[in-house]
Amino acid sequence: MQGGNCAMMMEDTEVLWLTDQQQASWRAFLEGTARLSETLNRDLENDADLSLNEYEVLVRLSESPYRTLRMSQLADNLAHSRSRVTHTIRRMEERGLVVRESCVADGRGVNCTLTDAGAAALVVAAPRHVSSVRRHLVDVLTPAQLDVLGEAMELVSLACRT
């Protein structure tokens, strides 16, 4: 249904509808991000028996001091709900990739720590994942397009935090 037709159905509401070009860009973004995530997820599952979310948890923990982050900080870093991260971490903990422990500093929070098995899984998965990212994103775009994409998504991320 076109924006103009939708506007006729709405009472007393002024909507700034997307132009045809804006709508085309929006839909391309939705389809592109969905297909990219699906492809990267499939490649990781086939190559390393990890989901994209699990891989990103391993990366974030590996980059943190003592390979540890508070669960709340991990959720914020991943832009996922705390419950979603908790479910992901529970599955990873069952596989021995991470452990959860009470925060010694204050006793209220919970820390998530990368295990040696998790670090080993990351070492195996990383080269294949980077190859997949290159094949499906980096090498598809020109360097200038990739820069613009990164800048644009940074702005979107900031706008969504407020």
Protein backbone atom coordinates (compact mmCIF):
# COMPACT_ATOMS: atom_id res chain seq x y z
CA MET A 1 0.00 0.00 0.00
CA GLN A 2 1.40 3.38 -0.96
CA GLY A 3 2.02 6.03 1.66
CA GLY A 4 -0.64 8.32 0.17
CA ASN A 5 -3.31 5.64 0.51
CA CYS A 6 -2.26 4.96 4.09
CA ALA A 7 -2.49 8.67 4.85
CA MET A 8 -6.11 8.71 3.72
CA MET A 9 -6.95 6.01 6.25
CA MET A 10 -5.45 7.89 9.17
CA GLU A 11 -7.53 10.55 10.89
CA ASP A 12 -6.06 13.83 12.06
CA THR A 13 -2.52 12.50 11.90
CA GLU A 14 0.12 14.26 9.87
CA VAL A 15 2.71 11.76 8.70
CA LEU A 16 5.81 12.67 6.76
CA TRP A 17 5.78 9.68 4.42
CA LEU A 18 8.94 8.37 2.83
CA THR A 19 9.63 9.41 -0.72
CA ASP A 20 9.90 6.64 -3.30
CA GLN A 21 13.71 6.89 -3.14
CA GLN A 22 13.74 6.87 0.68
CA GLN A 23 11.43 3.85 0.71
CA ALA A 24 13.62 2.04 -1.83
CA SER A 25 16.71 2.76 0.30
CA TRP A 26 14.93 1.66 3.48
CA ARG A 27 13.80 -1.61 1.92
CA ALA A 28 17.26 -2.25 0.46
CA PHE A 29 18.73 -1.69 3.93
CA LEU A 30 16.25 -4.11 5.53
CA GLU A 31 16.77 -6.81 2.94
CA GLY A 32 20.54 -6.32 2.79
CA THR A 33 21.06 -6.47 6.55
CA ALA A 34 18.74 -9.47 6.90
CA ARG A 35 20.47 -11.39 4.11
CA LEU A 36 23.95 -10.45 5.35
CA SER A 37 23.15 -11.52 8.92
CA GLU A 38 21.59 -14.76 7.69
CA THR A 39 24.60 -15.53 5.48
CA LEU A 40 27.19 -14.71 8.15
CA ASN A 41 25.21 -16.74 10.70
CA ARG A 42 24.96 -19.73 8.34
CA ASP A 43 28.67 -19.59 7.51
CA LEU A 44 29.65 -19.46 11.20
CA GLU A 45 27.32 -22.33 12.08
CA ASN A 46 28.70 -24.45 9.23
CA ASP A 47 32.36 -23.57 9.84
CA ALA A 48 32.56 -23.27 13.62
CA ASP A 49 29.27 -24.42 15.17
CA LEU A 50 28.66 -20.88 16.46
CA SER A 51 25.89 -18.39 15.85
CA LEU A 52 26.75 -14.83 14.89
CA ASN A 53 25.56 -13.70 18.34
CA GLU A 54 27.78 -16.27 20.06
CA TYR A 55 30.74 -15.26 17.93
CA GLU A 56 30.25 -11.61 18.84
CA VAL A 57 30.13 -12.53 22.55
CA LEU A 58 33.44 -14.37 22.20
CA VAL A 59 34.99 -11.37 20.41
CA ARG A 60 33.79 -8.85 23.01
CA LEU A 61 35.04 -10.99 25.88
CA SER A 62 38.39 -11.64 24.18
CA GLU A 63 38.93 -7.88 23.83
CA SER A 64 38.11 -7.15 27.48
CA PRO A 65 40.55 -7.05 30.39
CA TYR A 66 40.83 -10.50 31.96
CA ARG A 67 38.46 -11.71 29.18
CA THR A 68 35.58 -10.65 31.45
CA LEU A 69 32.59 -8.29 31.21
CA ARG A 70 29.58 -7.65 33.37
CA MET A 71 26.49 -9.17 31.82
CA SER A 72 24.80 -5.75 31.68
CA GLN A 73 27.78 -4.23 29.86
CA LEU A 74 27.92 -7.17 27.47
CA ALA A 75 24.23 -6.68 26.64
CA ASP A 76 24.79 -2.98 26.04
CA ASN A 77 27.87 -3.59 23.88
CA LEU A 78 25.94 -6.07 21.74
CA ALA A 79 22.79 -3.91 21.58
CA HIS A 80 20.72 -6.87 22.80
CA SER A 81 18.26 -7.14 25.64
CA ARG A 82 19.60 -8.53 28.89
CA SER A 83 17.29 -11.53 28.66
CA ARG A 84 18.49 -12.34 25.14
CA VAL A 85 22.13 -12.15 26.25
CA THR A 86 21.34 -14.27 29.31
CA HIS A 87 19.86 -17.02 27.09
CA THR A 88 22.82 -16.88 24.72
CA ILE A 89 25.32 -17.02 27.60
CA ARG A 90 23.46 -19.94 29.20
CA ARG A 91 23.79 -21.96 25.97
CA MET A 92 27.46 -20.99 25.66
CA GLU A 93 28.10 -21.87 29.29
CA GLU A 94 26.62 -25.34 28.72
CA ARG A 95 29.17 -25.80 25.92
CA GLY A 96 32.05 -24.61 28.15
CA LEU A 97 32.78 -21.48 26.11
CA VAL A 98 32.10 -19.02 28.96
CA VAL A 99 31.45 -19.02 32.70
CA ARG A 100 29.30 -16.72 34.79
CA GLU A 101 30.31 -15.65 38.27
CA SER A 102 29.12 -13.11 40.80
CA CYS A 103 30.96 -9.82 40.60
CA VAL A 104 33.52 -9.83 43.41
CA ALA A 105 33.69 -6.00 43.51
CA ASP A 106 30.08 -5.47 44.56
CA GLY A 107 28.40 -8.87 44.82
CA ARG A 108 25.34 -7.62 42.91
CA GLY A 109 26.32 -7.99 39.28
CA VAL A 110 27.23 -11.05 37.28
CA ASN A 111 30.39 -11.31 35.22
CA CYS A 112 30.83 -13.38 32.11
CA THR A 113 34.32 -14.72 31.42
CA LEU A 114 35.73 -16.33 28.30
CA THR A 115 37.10 -19.81 29.00
CA ASP A 116 40.14 -21.34 27.33
CA ALA A 117 37.72 -23.47 25.27
CA GLY A 118 35.89 -20.30 24.20
CA ALA A 119 39.15 -18.64 23.23
CA ALA A 120 40.12 -21.73 21.22
CA ALA A 121 36.74 -21.70 19.46
CA LEU A 122 37.30 -18.05 18.56
CA VAL A 123 40.76 -18.80 17.15
CA VAL A 124 39.20 -21.42 14.86
CA ALA A 125 36.19 -19.32 13.86
CA ALA A 126 37.80 -15.90 13.35
CA PRO A 127 39.69 -16.47 10.07
CA ARG A 128 36.67 -18.09 8.43
CA HIS A 129 34.32 -15.41 9.70
CA VAL A 130 36.56 -12.60 8.47
CA SER A 131 36.70 -14.28 5.05
CA SER A 132 32.90 -14.42 5.01
CA VAL A 133 32.62 -10.74 6.02
CA ARG A 134 35.05 -9.82 3.27
CA ARG A 135 33.27 -11.93 0.65
CA HIS A 136 29.77 -10.69 1.47
CA LEU A 137 30.37 -7.07 2.51
CA VAL A 138 33.86 -5.57 2.38
CA ASP A 139 34.80 -6.77 -1.11
CA VAL A 140 31.32 -5.98 -2.49
CA LEU A 141 31.70 -2.28 -1.68
CA THR A 142 34.30 0.25 -2.70
CA PRO A 143 36.46 1.56 0.15
CA ALA A 144 34.54 4.86 -0.03
CA GLN A 145 31.19 3.07 0.16
CA LEU A 146 32.38 1.05 3.15
CA ASP A 147 33.51 4.24 4.90
CA VAL A 148 30.14 5.89 4.25
CA LEU A 149 28.32 2.79 5.49
CA GLY A 150 30.35 2.78 8.70
CA GLU A 151 29.78 6.49 9.28
CA ALA A 152 26.07 6.19 8.56
CA MET A 153 25.58 3.24 10.90
CA GLU A 154 27.50 5.03 13.66
CA LEU A 155 25.01 7.90 13.38
CA VAL A 156 22.07 5.48 13.40
CA SER A 157 23.48 3.74 16.46
CA LEU A 158 23.85 7.04 18.30
CA ALA A 159 20.33 8.15 17.33
CA CYS A 160 18.89 4.89 18.66
CA ARG A 161 20.61 5.29 22.03
CA THR A 162 18.75 8.52 22.83
